[in-house]
Amino acid sequence: MIVRQFLHWVRTALPGERAEATSALARAYLFSDLGADDRGAAEGAMIMLLDDASPLVRQALAEALASSHKAPPAVIQALAGDQPDVAVIVIERSPLFIDADLVDLVATGTPAVQAAVARRAPLQCAVAAAVAEVGTPEACLIMIENPEAEIALFSVDRIVDRFGHVAAIREALFWRTDLPAPTRQMLVSKLSATLADFVAARAWLETDHAHRIAKEACEKATVALAAQSPAGEAGPLIRHLCGSGQLTAGLILRALLSGNVVLFEQALAELSGLPLGRVRGLVHDNGGAGFRAIYDKAGLPASAWPAFRAAIEAMREASHAEPGGASRLKRRMIERVLTGCHDAEIGEVEPLLTLLRRFATEAAREEARRYCDELVAENGMTFVAEPDRVAA
């Protein structure tokens, strides 16, 4: 019997020779027309080789068997518990593992094992959820970049919650076209917090100042994101902002002053608990009493009422839309609101005026940038340095 001869020979052969012979034995088991006795003997020999002192032998066995449905399950399971260089070969490729096996490997395995699971193709939703819950940042990144991974939205949100501060993971997620607005906003929020901490840690700005700037940048990005998202995502985005404590009066005012009426109305509906249709009717009530009623029911601060009232009046009276769509602050609208707030008691609205002045500065800078870009585009000028003339 060939297997008997192999077992005698393998006891004295060198590791490299044993590895080559082991690979040949495994291929014969998978592809040769062996009889029942020879097949049983070959399987027994492979099980024996699991105890070989050289990892080269076990690695050769893993490489030969990893992708086959015909591999002996006992051998595959044993190889999966071997040292990482051997285990990852079968964990990444073997079709014999069921989802429960893979979830257990993610829960108990090393970072290399988790990464191997994340590379599997296909990767089922339940296994992806396990990687998202307990996997390392590397494993999560590999899974995000795996086109064969079926990742549920709640798993993506969990990855953002755990590793949204990791630049590579944020970038990989931003490239996905299937992320809804709430998840993208979570990434924006993580990015702003990370940048604020980075700036404060290097003492470039005071901590409070850095976090205020980052917060305003996050709100600006949130309004822009809402403007670019399908209308049906406004509600889920507002619910996410409310649940995460980001739905502030400042953000709602920014949305209104950007002309993003959809986001503004959704925010009032969420905070007041009234149906969206009812909110829209009250917001556009020319008498003004309906809007004040829903403003109070939403729990927005009384000190900000003059700004919201003036913004609504400016919106109703605007003869034409300012440039920038619904994602940028409108300069003339802000100036109208500032004028309307100056008649209020200064002590009560001073923080509001400070915020509005920052909005006005931001809008002016955006307008100047847009004007300069358009001016350059209209002229179409390209300046090319003339080469130096060399005297003859």
Foldseek 3Di string as FASTA:
>chain_A
DVLVVLVVVLVPDDPVVLQVVLLVLLLCLVPPDDDPVSNVSSLVVLVVQLPPPDVSNLQSNLQNQQADPSDDPVSLVSQCPDPLVRNLSNLQHHPPDDLVNLLVCLVPHDLSSLLSLLQHAQREASSLLSCLQRHDPNSVLSNLPRPNYDHDLVSLLSNCVVPLLPVSSLVSVVPDPPHALQSVLSSLLSPLVNQLVVCCVVVVDPSVVSSVVSLVVSLLVSQQSCQPHPLVRLLVNLVSCVVVVNLAPLSLLQLLQLVVVSNNLSNLCVQLVHDSVQSVCLLPPPVVPSPVVSCVSSVHDPLCVLLSSQSSVCVVPDPDDDPDGSSAGDQVSLVSSLVSNVPDDCVSNVVVNVSSVVSNVRRVVVVVVVVVVVVCVVVVDDDDDDDDDDDD
